[in-house]
Amino acid sequence: MRYTPHDYQRQATDYIVTHPQAAIFLGMGLGKTVITLSAIWHLLMDSFQARRVLVIAPLRVARDTWAAEASKWDHLEGLTMAVALGSRQQRLDALATGAMVTVINRENIPWLVRTVGSQWPWDMVVIDELSSFKNHNAARFKALASVRKHITRIVGLTGTPAANGLEDLWAQFRLLDGGVRLGRYITHYRARWFEPDKRNATRIFSYKPKPGAEEEIYAAIGDMTLSMQTTDHLTLPPLTVTPQEVTLGPRERDLYEQLVAQMVISLDGQTVDASNAAALSGKLLQLASGAVYAEGHEAVVVHERKLDALEDLIEAANGQSLLVAYWFRHDLERITARFPTARELKTSQDFLAWNRGEIPLGLIHPASAGHGLNLQAGGHVLVWFSLTWSLELYQQTNARLYRQGQTQPVTIIHLTAGNTLDQAVLAALAAKDSTQTRLIQAVAAQLTPTNR
């Protein structure tokens, strides 16, 4: 297929070519994979500024997206690619090909570093979904940081750089520039730009930015960061986001309030116990959705309010496909029991069948299908059966339908139980989005049309 890039795509590709260290904040649906592959082709085949490239991506994106994009476009002809997934031997076989581009999932980075050791062959690394390296204590971060000295060009791609706040940025930029802009150590970063927020006498639980810190952080990273928002560069169909509230009955309301007050309830002879605030949050969200895990890890059904609401939505859709996001495993089990035509989307074959319109009710978990998948051909209505606290997963899941190539108006519906933690989650997502939006706007690129 012939690639005719938009001006913003040309600019983003040029930015990667001209910046050995680059953070690319691209809104969902802007085509970050073909943008990056175009830059890789230029660096490998035209200007010879790179020899071999490693792409680190979420598992399904590594499996289903990068190789497909490389083979899709005429201008990438000649680019060899190996996908290092599967068993240990399959990964070793992929490495042995010596391909120009090797794609691997982020969970296997520690294995890769142990296997290759000091013979690290990739002088350029692309991290697809850079925000998944925001935890500086994670094995993947430590492994990649240990070989950073062998990497001369590095690119981080994400649409959600600060989904949980500005603290997320330190680890991401520590990988990209070695700590030049935000400091080599997280303690120094916090000391310079943050102050304790929630704490007890001896322990700090969270930090908040000092006055003026946001602007200083944005300025510090601005020279290596390109930011583009989907709404600035694409004409997308109308988007409607709406809550649909369900009402708990007297029994469910009493159980919910008892769990809030006492952190323990008895259900069908089983005990549901929340040992701390975090556990209580999970139990309350489960109960709001209709079932809750008891002591023996068995889900006890409490109500079917959201299932009834989903049935009404399916009827109203009148044959149109619905995509349903769920968070708890018992949600999946209860939905599939109630609606036999429902199908969980997990494999490449599932995604293809969805896009062909063969699945009337598709079910996805945000953590496994939130990044990089193109599902817009299969439908235009997304229902959140149960919510996640993660802004990144929330936004990425919404972008499976609301993205370039979508031709129908998109509707996103949140099923929320009235006067429950469901509504607090929606409010928290809105607050996190406000912080992230300020960051993205602060480093937003001014589009400069090119004619090359």
Protein backbone atom coordinates (compact mmCIF):
# COMPACT_ATOMS: atom_id res chain seq x y z
CA MET A 1 0.00 0.00 0.00
CA ARG A 2 1.26 3.47 -0.85
CA TYR A 3 1.95 5.68 2.16
CA THR A 4 0.90 9.32 1.81
CA PRO A 5 1.75 10.87 5.17
CA HIS A 6 -0.06 13.80 6.69
CA ASP A 7 2.08 16.83 7.48
CA TYR A 8 2.02 15.97 11.19
CA GLN A 9 3.29 12.46 10.38
CA ARG A 10 6.16 13.89 8.35
CA GLN A 11 7.03 16.22 11.21
CA ALA A 12 7.00 13.42 13.77
CA THR A 13 9.18 11.20 11.56
CA ASP A 14 11.66 14.06 11.04
CA TYR A 15 11.73 14.67 14.78
CA ILE A 16 12.77 11.08 15.47
CA VAL A 17 15.45 11.29 12.76
CA THR A 18 16.92 14.54 14.08
CA HIS A 19 16.72 13.75 17.82
CA PRO A 20 18.86 10.84 19.07
CA GLN A 21 16.84 10.98 22.29
CA ALA A 22 13.15 11.60 21.71
CA ALA A 23 9.93 11.40 23.70
CA ILE A 24 6.99 11.28 21.31
CA PHE A 25 3.61 11.93 22.94
CA LEU A 26 1.13 11.05 20.20
CA GLY A 27 -2.61 10.91 20.68
CA MET A 28 -4.28 7.61 19.95
CA GLY A 29 -4.95 6.94 16.28
CA LEU A 30 -2.31 9.28 14.85
CA GLY A 31 -0.32 6.39 13.37
CA LYS A 32 2.71 6.24 15.65
CA THR A 33 3.82 2.84 14.32
CA VAL A 34 4.15 3.88 10.67
CA ILE A 35 5.64 7.22 11.76
CA THR A 36 8.35 5.40 13.69
CA LEU A 37 8.96 2.73 11.05
CA SER A 38 9.43 5.48 8.46
CA ALA A 39 12.10 7.05 10.67
CA ILE A 40 13.73 3.66 11.26
CA TRP A 41 13.88 2.97 7.52
CA HIS A 42 15.54 6.34 6.93
CA LEU A 43 18.08 5.85 9.73
CA LEU A 44 18.96 2.31 8.64
CA MET A 45 18.73 2.47 4.85
CA ASP A 46 19.24 6.09 3.88
CA SER A 47 21.38 8.04 6.36
CA PHE A 48 23.04 4.99 8.01
CA GLN A 49 22.75 6.56 11.46
CA ALA A 50 21.61 3.25 12.99
CA ARG A 51 22.66 -0.36 12.45
CA ARG A 52 20.06 -2.46 14.25
CA VAL A 53 16.85 -1.54 16.06
CA LEU A 54 15.07 -3.13 19.00
CA VAL A 55 11.36 -2.38 19.44
CA ILE A 56 9.91 -3.05 22.90
CA ALA A 57 6.11 -3.24 22.96
CA PRO A 58 3.13 -4.68 24.84
CA LEU A 59 2.71 -8.36 24.02
CA ARG A 60 -0.25 -8.12 21.67
CA VAL A 61 1.12 -5.04 19.95
CA ALA A 62 4.47 -6.78 19.44
CA ARG A 63 2.67 -9.78 18.02
CA ASP A 64 -0.06 -8.17 15.94
CA THR A 65 0.95 -4.63 15.00
CA TRP A 66 4.62 -3.95 14.21
CA ALA A 67 5.23 -6.72 11.65
CA ALA A 68 1.84 -6.10 10.05
CA GLU A 69 2.60 -2.39 9.64
CA ALA A 70 6.07 -3.09 8.24
CA SER A 71 4.67 -5.37 5.55
CA LYS A 72 1.72 -3.09 4.79
CA TRP A 73 3.50 -0.05 3.34
CA ASP A 74 5.43 0.06 0.05
CA HIS A 75 8.00 2.58 1.29
CA LEU A 76 9.22 0.17 3.97
CA GLU A 77 10.29 -2.49 1.46
CA GLY A 78 13.64 -4.01 2.33
CA LEU A 79 13.21 -3.64 6.08
CA THR A 80 13.74 -7.05 7.71
CA MET A 81 11.97 -7.78 10.99
CA ALA A 82 12.01 -10.58 13.54
CA VAL A 83 9.44 -10.97 16.33
CA ALA A 84 11.01 -12.52 19.43
CA LEU A 85 7.98 -14.03 21.15
CA GLY A 86 6.89 -17.46 22.28
CA SER A 87 9.07 -20.14 23.81
CA ARG A 88 12.69 -19.58 24.75
CA GLN A 89 13.83 -21.40 21.62
CA GLN A 90 11.50 -19.36 19.39
CA ARG A 91 12.93 -16.17 20.89
CA LEU A 92 16.49 -17.37 20.38
CA ASP A 93 15.70 -18.30 16.77
CA ALA A 94 14.33 -14.79 16.18
CA LEU A 95 17.46 -13.20 17.62
CA ALA A 96 19.64 -15.45 15.47
CA THR A 97 18.18 -14.05 12.25
CA GLY A 98 20.08 -10.80 12.76
CA ALA A 99 17.11 -8.82 11.42
CA MET A 100 17.37 -5.07 11.03
CA VAL A 101 14.46 -4.69 13.46
CA THR A 102 13.74 -7.05 16.35
CA VAL A 103 10.43 -6.75 18.18
CA ILE A 104 10.05 -8.11 21.70
CA ASN A 105 7.46 -7.78 24.46
CA ARG A 106 8.42 -5.69 27.48
CA GLU A 107 8.08 -8.59 29.95
CA ASN A 108 11.00 -10.35 28.24
CA ILE A 109 13.46 -7.47 28.56
CA PRO A 110 15.12 -8.94 31.68
CA TRP A 111 15.52 -12.25 29.84
CA LEU A 112 16.93 -10.49 26.78
CA VAL A 113 19.51 -8.57 28.80
CA ARG A 114 20.61 -11.75 30.61
CA THR A 115 20.82 -13.64 27.31
CA VAL A 116 22.70 -11.05 25.27
CA GLY A 117 24.78 -9.54 28.05
CA SER A 118 27.65 -7.31 27.00
CA GLN A 119 27.17 -8.31 23.35
CA TRP A 120 24.15 -6.00 23.05
CA PRO A 121 23.74 -5.50 19.27
CA TRP A 122 21.02 -2.85 19.04
CA ASP A 123 22.27 0.73 18.84
CA MET A 124 18.70 2.07 18.54
CA VAL A 125 15.78 1.20 20.82
CA VAL A 126 12.12 2.14 20.44
CA ILE A 127 9.91 1.78 23.51
CA ASP A 128 6.30 1.52 22.40
CA GLU A 129 4.18 2.64 25.35
CA LEU A 130 6.99 4.34 27.24
CA SER A 131 4.67 4.86 30.20
CA SER A 132 4.91 1.14 30.98
CA PHE A 133 8.46 1.91 32.18
CA LYS A 134 7.32 4.48 34.73
CA ASN A 135 8.18 2.26 37.72
CA HIS A 136 11.90 2.60 38.47
CA ASN A 137 11.76 -0.45 40.75
CA ALA A 138 10.44 -2.77 38.03
CA ALA A 139 12.69 -5.48 36.62
CA ARG A 140 12.13 -4.27 33.07
CA PHE A 141 13.33 -0.75 33.95
CA LYS A 142 16.43 -1.97 35.76
CA ALA A 143 17.34 -4.38 32.96
CA LEU A 144 17.02 -1.79 30.21
CA ALA A 145 18.86 0.83 32.26
CA SER A 146 21.77 -1.60 32.65
CA VAL A 147 22.38 -1.66 28.86
CA ARG A 148 21.56 2.00 28.25
CA LYS A 149 25.27 2.77 27.66
CA HIS A 150 25.21 0.59 24.52
CA ILE A 151 22.29 2.53 22.99
CA THR A 152 23.02 5.66 20.96
CA ARG A 153 19.48 6.40 19.75
CA ILE A 154 16.34 5.87 21.83
CA VAL A 155 12.70 6.77 21.21
CA GLY A 156 9.83 6.59 23.69
CA LEU A 157 6.28 6.49 22.32
CA THR A 158 3.17 7.04 24.41
CA GLY A 159 -0.12 8.85 24.47
CA THR A 160 -0.34 8.76 28.27
CA PRO A 161 2.97 10.02 29.72
CA ALA A 162 1.67 11.08 33.15
CA ALA A 163 -1.49 9.11 33.71
CA ASN A 164 -1.00 9.08 37.48
CA GLY A 165 0.76 12.41 37.87
CA LEU A 166 4.11 14.04 37.14
CA GLU A 167 6.06 11.58 39.30
CA ASP A 168 5.57 9.09 36.47
CA LEU A 169 7.88 11.10 34.22
CA TRP A 170 11.13 10.52 36.07
CA ALA A 171 11.74 6.87 35.19
CA GLN A 172 10.68 7.40 31.59
CA PHE A 173 13.10 10.25 31.00
CA ARG A 174 15.82 8.57 33.06
CA LEU A 175 15.85 5.84 30.39
CA LEU A 176 15.76 8.31 27.53
CA ASP A 177 18.47 10.78 28.56
CA GLY A 178 20.24 9.10 31.45
CA GLY A 179 18.96 11.61 33.97
CA VAL A 180 20.23 14.79 32.29
CA ARG A 181 16.95 16.70 32.46
CA LEU A 182 15.08 15.37 35.50
CA GLY A 183 18.01 14.05 37.53
CA ARG A 184 19.78 10.74 37.88
CA TYR A 185 17.93 9.75 41.05
CA ILE A 186 14.25 9.75 41.93
CA THR A 187 15.10 11.21 45.35
CA HIS A 188 16.71 14.25 43.71
CA TYR A 189 13.72 14.65 41.38
CA ARG A 190 11.31 14.62 44.29
CA ALA A 191 13.44 16.93 46.40
CA ARG A 192 13.65 19.51 43.62
CA TRP A 193 10.06 19.58 42.41
CA PHE A 194 7.81 17.84 44.96
CA GLU A 195 6.80 17.98 48.58
CA PRO A 196 5.18 15.33 50.79
CA ASP A 197 1.42 15.05 50.48
CA LYS A 198 -0.15 12.12 52.32
CA ARG A 199 1.99 10.81 55.18
CA ASN A 200 2.10 9.59 58.73
CA ALA A 201 4.78 10.34 61.28
CA THR A 202 7.52 8.31 59.60
CA ARG A 203 6.29 7.38 56.14
CA ILE A 204 5.42 9.42 53.05
CA PHE A 205 2.69 7.85 50.93
CA SER A 206 2.49 10.39 48.11
CA TYR A 207 4.00 13.62 46.81
CA LYS A 208 2.53 16.71 45.20
CA PRO A 209 4.27 19.23 42.91
CA LYS A 210 5.68 22.37 44.51
CA PRO A 211 4.33 25.71 43.26
CA GLY A 212 5.70 26.33 39.77
CA ALA A 213 7.07 22.79 39.46
CA GLU A 214 4.83 21.79 36.58
CA GLU A 215 6.08 24.59 34.34
CA GLU A 216 9.72 23.90 35.27
CA ILE A 217 9.38 20.20 34.50
CA TYR A 218 7.72 20.94 31.16
CA ALA A 219 10.53 23.34 30.29
CA ALA A 220 13.19 20.81 31.28
CA ILE A 221 11.91 18.11 28.91
CA GLY A 222 10.68 20.37 26.12
CA ASP A 223 13.79 20.19 23.92
CA MET A 224 13.48 16.41 23.42
CA THR A 225 9.69 16.03 23.48
CA LEU A 226 7.17 16.19 20.67
CA SER A 227 3.49 16.21 21.59
CA MET A 228 0.53 15.97 19.25
CA GLN A 229 -3.12 15.52 20.18
CA THR A 230 -5.51 13.54 18.05
CA THR A 231 -8.13 16.28 18.01
CA ASP A 232 -5.61 18.76 16.59
CA HIS A 233 -4.66 16.65 13.59
CA LEU A 234 -7.52 14.33 12.69
CA THR A 235 -11.13 14.92 11.86
CA LEU A 236 -12.83 12.23 13.87
CA PRO A 237 -16.54 11.47 14.03
CA PRO A 238 -18.58 12.85 16.94
CA LEU A 239 -17.91 11.32 20.36
CA THR A 240 -20.56 10.95 23.04
CA VAL A 241 -19.51 9.93 26.56
CA THR A 242 -22.34 9.22 28.94
CA PRO A 243 -22.95 7.55 32.32
CA GLN A 244 -25.88 5.19 32.67
CA GLU A 245 -26.72 4.81 36.33
CA VAL A 246 -28.20 1.67 37.83
CA THR A 247 -29.89 1.69 41.21
CA LEU A 248 -29.02 -0.81 43.91
CA GLY A 249 -31.94 -2.44 45.68
CA PRO A 250 -32.42 -2.18 49.47
CA ARG A 251 -30.55 -5.43 50.19
CA GLU A 252 -27.59 -4.54 47.97
CA ARG A 253 -27.47 -1.03 49.41
CA ASP A 254 -27.43 -2.39 52.96
CA LEU A 255 -24.60 -4.79 52.08
CA TYR A 256 -22.64 -2.02 50.43
CA GLU A 257 -23.01 0.33 53.40
CA GLN A 258 -22.14 -2.46 55.83
CA LEU A 259 -18.96 -3.22 53.89
CA VAL A 260 -18.03 0.47 53.94
CA ALA A 261 -18.59 0.74 57.69
CA GLN A 262 -17.27 -2.60 58.94
CA MET A 263 -14.99 -3.81 56.09
CA VAL A 264 -16.57 -7.25 56.38
CA ILE A 265 -19.89 -8.82 55.37
CA SER A 266 -21.38 -12.29 55.24
CA LEU A 267 -22.76 -13.50 51.90
CA ASP A 268 -24.41 -16.89 51.41
CA GLY A 269 -22.51 -18.24 54.39
CA GLN A 270 -19.17 -16.92 53.14
CA THR A 271 -17.14 -14.05 54.55
CA VAL A 272 -16.11 -11.09 52.44
CA ASP A 273 -13.30 -9.33 54.28
CA ALA A 274 -11.36 -6.20 53.29
CA SER A 275 -8.12 -6.11 55.25
CA ASN A 276 -7.11 -2.56 54.26
CA ALA A 277 -8.29 0.49 52.33
CA ALA A 278 -6.99 -0.77 48.99
CA ALA A 279 -8.73 -4.12 49.42
CA LEU A 280 -11.90 -2.33 50.48
CA SER A 281 -11.83 -0.26 47.29
CA GLY A 282 -11.67 -3.41 45.18
CA LYS A 283 -14.44 -5.14 47.11
CA LEU A 284 -16.73 -2.12 46.84
CA LEU A 285 -16.21 -1.86 43.08
CA GLN A 286 -16.91 -5.57 42.72
CA LEU A 287 -20.09 -5.29 44.76
CA ALA A 288 -21.21 -2.32 42.68
CA SER A 289 -20.76 -4.44 39.55
CA GLY A 290 -22.80 -7.31 40.97
CA ALA A 291 -20.50 -9.94 42.50
CA VAL A 292 -17.66 -10.08 45.00
CA TYR A 293 -14.89 -12.54 45.77
CA ALA A 294 -15.22 -14.19 49.18
CA GLU A 295 -12.59 -15.82 51.40
CA GLY A 296 -12.30 -18.93 49.29
CA HIS A 297 -11.74 -16.88 46.11
CA GLU A 298 -15.20 -17.83 44.92
CA ALA A 299 -17.35 -15.09 43.42
CA VAL A 300 -20.65 -14.61 45.21
CA VAL A 301 -23.35 -12.97 43.09
CA VAL A 302 -25.10 -10.04 44.78
CA HIS A 303 -27.22 -8.51 42.03
CA GLU A 304 -27.72 -8.31 38.27
CA ARG A 305 -28.41 -4.58 37.90
CA LYS A 306 -25.61 -3.98 35.40
CA LEU A 307 -26.40 -7.15 33.47
CA ASP A 308 -29.99 -5.92 33.10
CA ALA A 309 -28.75 -2.54 31.90
CA LEU A 310 -26.40 -4.23 29.42
CA GLU A 311 -29.30 -6.31 28.10
CA ASP A 312 -31.24 -3.11 27.48
CA LEU A 313 -28.27 -1.64 25.59
CA ILE A 314 -27.93 -4.76 23.45
CA GLU A 315 -31.61 -4.57 22.57
CA ALA A 316 -31.33 -0.86 21.77
CA ALA A 317 -28.31 -1.52 19.55
CA ASN A 318 -30.66 -3.44 17.25
CA GLY A 319 -28.04 -5.74 15.79
CA GLN A 320 -25.06 -3.39 15.97
CA SER A 321 -21.97 -4.81 17.63
CA LEU A 322 -21.10 -3.72 21.17
CA LEU A 323 -17.65 -3.73 22.72
CA VAL A 324 -17.77 -4.24 26.50
CA ALA A 325 -14.85 -3.50 28.83
CA TYR A 326 -14.75 -5.42 32.09
CA TRP A 327 -12.28 -5.40 35.00
CA PHE A 328 -13.12 -8.38 37.24
CA ARG A 329 -13.01 -11.98 36.11
CA HIS A 330 -16.45 -12.63 37.55
CA ASP A 331 -17.78 -9.86 35.28
CA LEU A 332 -16.58 -11.84 32.27
CA GLU A 333 -18.08 -15.06 33.60
CA ARG A 334 -21.47 -13.51 34.39
CA ILE A 335 -21.69 -11.65 31.06
CA THR A 336 -20.89 -14.76 29.02
CA ALA A 337 -23.38 -16.79 31.08
CA ARG A 338 -26.12 -14.23 30.48
CA PHE A 339 -25.29 -13.61 26.80
CA PRO A 340 -24.12 -16.75 24.96
CA THR A 341 -23.11 -14.78 21.85
CA ALA A 342 -20.52 -12.80 23.85
CA ARG A 343 -16.90 -13.55 23.01
CA GLU A 344 -13.75 -12.46 24.78
CA LEU A 345 -11.27 -10.82 22.42
CA LYS A 346 -7.82 -12.27 23.15
CA THR A 347 -6.19 -13.69 20.02
CA SER A 348 -5.35 -12.28 16.60
CA GLN A 349 -8.20 -14.37 15.20
CA ASP A 350 -10.61 -12.79 17.68
CA PHE A 351 -9.60 -9.27 16.65
CA LEU A 352 -9.95 -10.08 12.96
CA ALA A 353 -13.38 -11.64 13.53
CA TRP A 354 -14.48 -8.56 15.49
CA ASN A 355 -13.38 -6.23 12.69
CA ARG A 356 -15.23 -8.36 10.15
CA GLY A 357 -18.43 -7.86 12.14
CA GLU A 358 -18.72 -11.50 13.16
CA ILE A 359 -18.89 -10.88 16.92
CA PRO A 360 -22.03 -9.08 18.12
CA LEU A 361 -20.80 -8.71 21.71
CA GLY A 362 -17.05 -8.41 22.16
CA LEU A 363 -15.51 -8.44 25.64
CA ILE A 364 -12.09 -6.93 26.41
CA HIS A 365 -10.00 -6.45 29.52
CA PRO A 366 -8.22 -3.07 29.48
CA ALA A 367 -4.93 -4.53 30.70
CA SER A 368 -4.71 -7.04 27.86
CA ALA A 369 -6.35 -5.18 24.98
CA GLY A 370 -5.80 -1.56 25.84
CA HIS A 371 -2.82 -0.67 23.64
CA GLY A 372 -2.24 -0.56 19.93
CA LEU A 373 -5.17 -2.64 18.68
CA ASN A 374 -7.31 -1.44 15.80
CA LEU A 375 -10.90 -2.41 16.56
CA GLN A 376 -12.68 0.52 14.94
CA ALA A 377 -13.88 -1.48 11.92
CA GLY A 378 -15.99 -3.77 14.09
CA GLY A 379 -18.15 -1.27 15.96
CA HIS A 380 -18.61 2.17 17.40
CA VAL A 381 -20.20 1.62 20.83
CA LEU A 382 -18.10 0.86 23.93
CA VAL A 383 -19.72 -0.04 27.25
CA TRP A 384 -17.70 0.10 30.47
CA PHE A 385 -19.27 -2.64 32.60
CA SER A 386 -16.73 -2.06 35.39
CA LEU A 387 -14.11 0.66 35.60
CA THR A 388 -10.37 0.90 36.20
CA TRP A 389 -8.53 3.50 38.29
CA SER A 390 -5.86 3.65 35.55
CA LEU A 391 -6.26 6.65 33.27
CA GLU A 392 -3.79 5.11 30.82
CA LEU A 393 -5.77 1.90 30.41
CA TYR A 394 -9.04 3.82 30.33
CA GLN A 395 -7.94 6.18 27.55
CA GLN A 396 -6.21 3.47 25.56
CA THR A 397 -9.27 1.24 25.68
CA ASN A 398 -11.52 4.06 24.50
CA ALA A 399 -9.10 4.62 21.63
CA ARG A 400 -9.66 1.12 20.28
CA LEU A 401 -12.84 2.51 18.70
CA TYR A 402 -12.34 6.28 18.68
CA ARG A 403 -9.39 6.50 16.32
CA GLN A 404 -8.35 7.16 12.73
CA GLY A 405 -10.41 5.02 10.35
CA GLN A 406 -13.59 5.14 12.44
CA THR A 407 -16.47 6.22 10.19
CA GLN A 408 -19.37 6.17 12.66
CA PRO A 409 -20.15 8.44 15.62
CA VAL A 410 -18.68 6.80 18.70
CA THR A 411 -20.57 6.32 21.95
CA ILE A 412 -18.87 5.42 25.24
CA ILE A 413 -21.25 4.38 28.02
CA HIS A 414 -20.30 3.92 31.67
CA LEU A 415 -22.53 1.61 33.69
CA THR A 416 -22.30 3.01 37.20
CA ALA A 417 -24.10 2.03 40.38
CA GLY A 418 -25.55 5.13 42.01
CA ASN A 419 -23.91 6.42 45.21
CA THR A 420 -21.03 3.94 45.01
CA LEU A 421 -17.31 4.03 44.37
CA ASP A 422 -18.04 3.76 40.62
CA GLN A 423 -18.70 7.49 40.57
CA ALA A 424 -15.56 8.27 42.57
CA VAL A 425 -13.50 6.39 39.95
CA LEU A 426 -14.98 8.51 37.16
CA ALA A 427 -14.16 11.67 39.11
CA ALA A 428 -10.60 10.48 39.73
CA LEU A 429 -10.08 9.73 36.03
CA ALA A 430 -11.25 13.25 35.19
CA ALA A 431 -8.77 14.76 37.69
CA LYS A 432 -5.84 12.68 36.37
CA ASP A 433 -6.77 13.64 32.83
CA SER A 434 -6.55 17.32 33.76
CA THR A 435 -2.93 16.95 34.95
CA GLN A 436 -1.89 14.96 31.90
CA THR A 437 -3.62 17.36 29.50
CA ARG A 438 -1.63 20.28 30.93
CA LEU A 439 1.59 18.37 30.30
CA ILE A 440 0.68 17.45 26.73
CA GLN A 441 -0.41 20.97 25.89
CA ALA A 442 2.74 22.45 27.43
CA VAL A 443 5.01 20.53 25.04
CA ALA A 444 2.63 20.50 22.08
CA ALA A 445 4.24 20.87 18.68
CA GLN A 446 3.36 23.70 16.35
CA LEU A 447 2.73 21.99 13.03
CA THR A 448 5.10 23.16 10.31
CA PRO A 449 3.96 21.87 6.91
CA THR A 450 6.71 20.21 4.91
CA ASN A 451 7.08 19.49 1.23
CA ARG A 452 9.57 16.72 0.80
